[in-house]
């Protein structure tokens, strides 16, 4: 059984889209997949309701975590610990809408590999990285119109037509990911790595997702798998990092916390993944962007190694 853990904090608008993208009516080829979705509400002042969550199907469950901490790491670890499934899918930021092949391909990865670490790439909805788009007038109203015009609920791959940027210098599928906003692995493997480190107490968890990703990818006993042609799409919601103006981005504070905890700088792990999936025609442009920038990245690594 697969347990999907998705975290929210004051995201009632975004949750409607994100939870829909995990429903049986949207995800493809999952008729035989047994799964649950645990919607974690990390101390929201405007919390979701059980009715809002369970409306998407009997496998959707609501868990309010009473806390004053702006970090969701304890809430997610607790939800993972009590999940029914022996396989976990973790979404630290619930503002992400999934493309429709992620659950079926994740299930396929568990069939192909004894102990997979399955990662998805992320994209930002809108005309640019959202830190830039927001400064140029992009907001929830603009995004709602884009989403409606795309008719993504009938074909989730149309989300690629209204998303124009990978959020960092990971360069998508063919680059070298720094993190994944929707990853999956065995429950035992998650806790063998210690789960999310609860010392990360910055808003949104700071760099905890990058920290966990680097740890997982560095473990040779885990088969590193990237879902090709699939993505999670970040909705604008006033996020502490993704939607902050460039000059106010909290990365410096996040970095300082990381160094205090780890005693070193964050390091990108250079590891090429297995690919699983295919590219829809809607995702062709993003794939070409990734291929061009990813090739340049790996060539640079080769030159520096020489």
Protein backbone atom coordinates (compact mmCIF):
# COMPACT_ATOMS: atom_id res chain seq x y z
CA UNK A 1 0.00 0.00 0.00
CA UNK A 2 1.16 3.53 -0.82
CA UNK A 3 0.63 6.30 1.74
CA UNK A 4 0.77 9.84 0.34
CA UNK A 5 1.68 12.44 2.98
CA UNK A 6 0.92 15.99 1.85
CA UNK A 7 1.48 19.00 4.08
CA UNK A 8 -0.57 22.22 4.18
CA UNK A 9 -0.34 25.49 6.06
CA UNK A 10 -3.11 28.02 5.35
CA UNK A 11 -3.60 26.69 1.83
CA UNK A 12 -7.33 26.13 1.44
CA UNK A 13 -7.33 27.40 -2.16
CA UNK A 14 -4.26 25.41 -3.16
CA UNK A 15 -5.40 22.27 -1.33
CA UNK A 16 -8.47 21.93 -3.56
CA UNK A 17 -6.26 21.59 -6.63
CA UNK A 18 -3.51 19.54 -5.03
CA UNK A 19 -5.89 17.02 -3.50
CA UNK A 20 -7.87 16.73 -6.72
CA UNK A 21 -4.63 15.83 -8.50
CA UNK A 22 -4.29 12.85 -6.15
CA UNK A 23 -7.80 11.54 -6.78
CA UNK A 24 -8.73 8.40 -8.70
CA UNK A 25 -10.70 10.47 -11.17
CA UNK A 26 -7.55 12.36 -12.21
CA UNK A 27 -4.57 10.03 -11.81
CA UNK A 28 -4.21 7.55 -14.69
CA UNK A 29 -3.92 3.75 -14.61
CA UNK A 30 -4.34 3.29 -10.86
CA UNK A 31 -7.44 1.07 -10.75
CA UNK A 32 -5.46 -1.65 -8.99
CA UNK A 33 -3.39 0.64 -6.78
CA UNK A 34 -4.22 0.62 -3.08
CA UNK A 35 -3.33 3.97 -1.58
CA UNK A 36 -4.26 6.50 1.06
CA UNK A 37 -3.77 10.27 1.14
CA UNK A 38 -3.04 11.87 4.51
CA UNK A 39 -3.58 15.63 4.37
CA UNK A 40 -1.51 17.10 7.19
CA UNK A 41 -2.53 20.53 8.44
CA UNK A 42 0.47 21.97 10.27
CA UNK A 43 -1.15 24.30 12.80
CA UNK A 44 -2.99 26.48 10.28
CA UNK A 45 -4.90 29.49 11.54
CA UNK A 46 -7.32 28.82 8.68
CA UNK A 47 -7.35 25.03 8.71
CA UNK A 48 -8.89 22.65 6.27
CA UNK A 49 -11.90 20.64 7.37
CA UNK A 50 -12.33 16.88 7.31
CA UNK A 51 -15.19 17.35 4.83
CA UNK A 52 -12.95 19.28 2.42
CA UNK A 53 -10.42 16.47 2.45
CA UNK A 54 -12.69 13.42 2.44
CA UNK A 55 -14.73 14.85 -0.45
CA UNK A 56 -12.09 13.53 -2.88
CA UNK A 57 -12.60 9.89 -1.94
CA UNK A 58 -12.67 7.38 0.91
CA UNK A 59 -8.87 7.04 0.87
CA UNK A 60 -8.42 10.74 1.81
CA UNK A 61 -7.80 11.39 5.50
CA UNK A 62 -7.32 14.62 7.44
CA UNK A 63 -4.80 15.08 10.23
CA UNK A 64 -4.53 18.40 12.10
CA UNK A 65 -1.22 18.78 13.90
CA UNK A 66 -1.45 21.31 16.71
CA UNK A 67 1.82 23.20 16.87
CA UNK A 68 3.34 26.66 17.09
CA UNK A 69 6.32 25.63 15.00
CA UNK A 70 6.52 27.12 11.49
CA UNK A 71 8.37 23.98 10.42
CA UNK A 72 6.33 20.97 9.22
CA UNK A 73 9.01 18.35 9.80
CA UNK A 74 7.62 16.92 13.04
CA UNK A 75 4.09 16.79 11.63
CA UNK A 76 5.25 14.95 8.52
CA UNK A 77 7.39 12.49 10.44
CA UNK A 78 4.45 11.70 12.72
CA UNK A 79 2.12 11.21 9.75
CA UNK A 80 4.66 8.92 8.07
CA UNK A 81 5.08 6.94 11.28
CA UNK A 82 1.34 6.29 11.56
CA UNK A 83 0.74 5.73 7.84
CA UNK A 84 -0.81 2.39 6.92
CA UNK A 85 1.30 1.83 3.82
CA UNK A 86 4.70 0.17 3.60
CA UNK A 87 5.52 2.71 0.88
CA UNK A 88 5.53 6.48 1.35
CA UNK A 89 5.09 9.41 -1.00
CA UNK A 90 5.98 12.69 0.70
CA UNK A 91 5.01 16.21 -0.35
CA UNK A 92 6.53 18.77 2.01
CA UNK A 93 4.78 21.66 0.23
CA UNK A 94 1.11 20.99 -0.41
CA UNK A 95 0.88 23.81 -2.95
CA UNK A 96 2.03 21.42 -5.70
CA UNK A 97 -0.39 19.99 -8.28
CA UNK A 98 0.73 16.64 -9.69
CA UNK A 99 0.70 15.52 -13.30
CA UNK A 100 -1.56 12.48 -13.86
CA UNK A 101 0.99 9.69 -14.27
CA UNK A 102 2.88 10.04 -11.01
CA UNK A 103 1.04 7.47 -8.89
CA UNK A 104 1.03 4.74 -11.55
CA UNK A 105 4.70 5.25 -12.44
CA UNK A 106 5.66 5.29 -8.77
CA UNK A 107 3.86 1.96 -8.36
CA UNK A 108 5.76 0.69 -11.40
CA UNK A 109 9.07 1.78 -9.88
CA UNK A 110 8.39 -0.30 -6.77
CA UNK A 111 7.72 -3.29 -9.04
CA UNK A 112 10.98 -2.81 -10.95
CA UNK A 113 13.38 -1.96 -8.13
CA UNK A 114 13.87 -3.64 -4.78
CA UNK A 115 14.38 -0.35 -2.92
CA UNK A 116 13.70 2.72 -5.06
CA UNK A 117 13.96 6.39 -4.24
CA UNK A 118 11.50 7.92 -6.72
CA UNK A 119 11.80 11.63 -7.48
CA UNK A 120 9.74 14.07 -9.51
CA UNK A 121 10.85 17.40 -10.91
CA UNK A 122 9.08 20.63 -10.00
CA UNK A 123 7.93 23.53 -12.14
CA UNK A 124 6.47 26.93 -11.27
CA UNK A 125 3.10 27.87 -12.71
CA UNK A 126 3.17 31.21 -14.48
CA UNK A 127 5.52 33.02 -16.86
CA UNK A 128 8.72 32.70 -14.82
CA UNK A 129 10.18 31.58 -11.50
CA UNK A 130 7.52 32.81 -9.11
CA UNK A 131 9.84 35.05 -7.11
CA UNK A 132 10.18 37.06 -10.34
CA UNK A 133 6.61 36.58 -11.59
CA UNK A 134 5.11 37.86 -8.33
CA UNK A 135 7.19 41.04 -8.51
CA UNK A 136 5.77 41.57 -12.01
CA UNK A 137 2.13 41.27 -10.95
CA UNK A 138 1.50 37.52 -10.98
CA UNK A 139 -0.94 36.50 -8.23
CA UNK A 140 -3.61 33.96 -7.32
CA UNK A 141 -6.28 35.61 -9.47
CA UNK A 142 -4.04 35.54 -12.54
CA UNK A 143 -3.12 31.94 -11.79
CA UNK A 144 -6.75 30.91 -11.34
CA UNK A 145 -7.52 32.25 -14.80
CA UNK A 146 -4.55 30.40 -16.26
CA UNK A 147 -5.60 27.15 -14.62
CA UNK A 148 -9.18 27.50 -15.83
CA UNK A 149 -8.13 28.30 -19.40
CA UNK A 150 -5.76 25.34 -19.52
CA UNK A 151 -8.55 22.87 -18.64
CA UNK A 152 -5.97 20.90 -16.72
CA UNK A 153 -8.54 18.92 -14.77
CA UNK A 154 -9.47 17.01 -17.91
CA UNK A 155 -5.83 16.65 -19.05
CA UNK A 156 -3.23 17.29 -16.38
CA UNK A 157 -0.38 17.43 -18.88
CA UNK A 158 -1.75 20.80 -19.99
CA UNK A 159 -0.15 22.19 -16.85
CA UNK A 160 3.10 22.15 -18.82
CA UNK A 161 1.61 24.76 -21.16
CA UNK A 162 1.18 27.29 -18.33
CA UNK A 163 4.44 26.60 -16.48
CA UNK A 164 7.57 28.14 -17.92
CA UNK A 165 10.37 27.55 -15.45
CA UNK A 166 12.15 25.02 -13.31
CA UNK A 167 12.44 26.62 -9.86
CA UNK A 168 16.22 26.34 -9.44
CA UNK A 169 19.41 25.35 -11.23
CA UNK A 170 18.58 21.65 -11.11
CA UNK A 171 17.59 21.89 -14.80
CA UNK A 172 14.77 19.38 -14.66
CA UNK A 173 14.87 15.73 -15.68
CA UNK A 174 18.25 15.76 -17.42
CA UNK A 175 20.06 18.03 -15.00
CA UNK A 176 20.98 17.22 -11.42
CA UNK A 177 18.16 17.66 -8.94
CA UNK A 178 18.68 19.41 -5.63
CA UNK A 179 15.36 18.27 -4.21
CA UNK A 180 12.02 16.77 -5.09
CA UNK A 181 8.73 18.18 -3.88
CA UNK A 182 7.11 14.80 -4.39
CA UNK A 183 9.28 11.78 -3.67
CA UNK A 184 8.53 8.16 -2.78
CA UNK A 185 10.37 5.35 -1.05
CA UNK A 186 9.78 2.46 1.30
CA UNK A 187 8.57 3.40 4.77
CA UNK A 188 11.39 1.47 6.42
CA UNK A 189 13.94 3.15 4.13
CA UNK A 190 12.56 6.58 5.06
CA UNK A 191 13.07 5.93 8.76
CA UNK A 192 16.40 4.17 8.19
CA UNK A 193 17.55 7.59 6.93
CA UNK A 194 16.10 9.17 10.07
CA UNK A 195 13.11 10.78 8.41
CA UNK A 196 13.18 14.56 8.21
CA UNK A 197 15.67 16.03 10.68
CA UNK A 198 13.52 17.81 13.29
CA UNK A 199 16.27 20.27 14.10
CA UNK A 200 15.22 22.16 10.98
CA UNK A 201 12.80 24.66 12.51
CA UNK A 202 12.78 27.44 9.92
CA UNK A 203 9.47 28.31 8.25
CA UNK A 204 8.55 25.63 5.75
CA UNK A 205 11.37 23.48 7.07
CA UNK A 206 14.13 25.64 5.60
CA UNK A 207 16.51 23.37 3.67
CA UNK A 208 15.27 20.13 5.24
CA UNK A 209 13.90 18.82 1.93
CA UNK A 210 17.24 19.40 0.20
CA UNK A 211 19.04 17.83 3.15
CA UNK A 212 16.92 14.68 3.01
CA UNK A 213 17.16 14.46 -0.78
CA UNK A 214 20.95 14.65 -0.74
CA UNK A 215 21.06 11.96 1.93
CA UNK A 216 18.76 9.63 -0.01
CA UNK A 217 20.49 10.09 -3.37
CA UNK A 218 23.89 9.41 -1.80
CA UNK A 219 22.77 5.96 -0.61
CA UNK A 220 23.80 3.35 -3.16
CA UNK A 221 21.41 0.80 -1.67
CA UNK A 222 18.55 2.97 -2.95
CA UNK A 223 17.88 2.90 -6.70
CA UNK A 224 17.49 6.53 -7.72
CA UNK A 225 14.58 6.88 -10.17
CA UNK A 226 13.31 10.06 -11.82
CA UNK A 227 9.85 10.08 -13.41
CA UNK A 228 10.31 11.36 -16.96
CA UNK A 229 7.61 13.59 -18.41
CA UNK A 230 5.91 14.05 -15.04
CA UNK A 231 6.16 17.01 -12.66
CA UNK A 232 4.68 18.77 -9.67
CA UNK A 233 3.47 22.31 -10.37
CA UNK A 234 3.78 24.95 -7.66
CA UNK A 235 0.85 27.28 -7.11
CA UNK A 236 1.47 30.82 -5.92
CA UNK A 237 0.37 31.23 -2.31
CA UNK A 238 2.66 33.74 -0.64
CA UNK A 239 5.16 31.05 0.31
CA UNK A 240 8.04 31.97 2.60
CA UNK A 241 10.66 31.13 -0.05
CA UNK A 242 9.05 30.40 -3.40
CA UNK A 243 7.04 33.63 -3.53
CA UNK A 244 9.32 36.04 -1.64
CA UNK A 245 10.81 38.95 -3.60
CA UNK A 246 14.30 38.12 -4.79
CA UNK A 247 15.92 40.69 -2.48
CA UNK A 248 13.98 39.31 0.52
CA UNK A 249 14.55 35.61 -0.10
CA UNK A 250 15.31 33.82 3.19
CA UNK A 251 17.94 31.50 1.71
CA UNK A 252 20.69 33.12 3.79
CA UNK A 253 18.88 32.27 7.02
CA UNK A 254 18.09 28.78 5.75
CA UNK A 255 21.76 28.29 4.86
CA UNK A 256 22.88 29.44 8.29
CA UNK A 257 20.54 26.95 9.94
CA UNK A 258 21.83 24.16 7.71
CA UNK A 259 25.45 24.95 8.59
CA UNK A 260 24.61 25.01 12.33
CA UNK A 261 23.00 21.59 12.06
CA UNK A 262 25.36 19.86 9.64
CA UNK A 263 28.59 21.73 10.30
CA UNK A 264 29.17 22.24 6.58
CA UNK A 265 27.63 23.75 3.47
CA UNK A 266 24.92 21.96 1.53
CA UNK A 267 26.43 19.81 -1.23
CA UNK A 268 24.80 18.75 -4.46
CA UNK A 269 25.07 14.98 -4.98
CA UNK A 270 26.18 14.13 -8.52
CA UNK A 271 24.33 10.96 -9.41
CA UNK A 272 22.62 10.05 -12.66
CA UNK A 273 19.18 8.46 -12.21
CA UNK A 274 17.21 5.74 -13.89
CA UNK A 275 14.37 7.26 -15.94
CA UNK A 276 10.84 5.90 -15.94
CA UNK A 277 8.03 7.35 -18.05
CA UNK A 278 7.48 9.08 -21.36
CA UNK A 279 7.13 12.62 -22.64
CA UNK A 280 3.71 13.94 -23.67
CA UNK A 281 3.53 16.47 -26.48
CA UNK A 282 2.51 19.10 -23.89
CA UNK A 283 5.82 18.51 -22.07
CA UNK A 284 8.05 18.62 -25.15
CA UNK A 285 9.17 22.23 -24.68
CA UNK A 286 10.08 21.67 -21.03
CA UNK A 287 11.94 18.51 -22.02
CA UNK A 288 14.01 20.38 -24.61
CA UNK A 289 14.79 23.08 -22.03
CA UNK A 290 15.94 20.41 -19.60
CA UNK A 291 17.98 18.52 -22.18
CA UNK A 292 19.88 21.62 -23.31
CA UNK A 293 20.66 22.95 -19.83
CA UNK A 294 21.26 19.49 -18.40
CA UNK A 295 23.78 18.61 -21.11
CA UNK A 296 25.65 21.82 -20.42
CA UNK A 297 25.67 21.06 -16.68
CA UNK A 298 27.09 17.55 -17.04
CA UNK A 299 29.66 18.65 -19.61
CA UNK A 300 30.84 21.29 -17.15
CA UNK A 301 31.17 18.63 -14.44
CA UNK A 302 33.30 16.55 -16.80
CA UNK A 303 35.56 19.48 -17.64
CA UNK A 304 36.04 20.30 -13.95
CA UNK A 305 36.81 16.66 -13.19
CA UNK A 306 39.50 16.68 -15.86
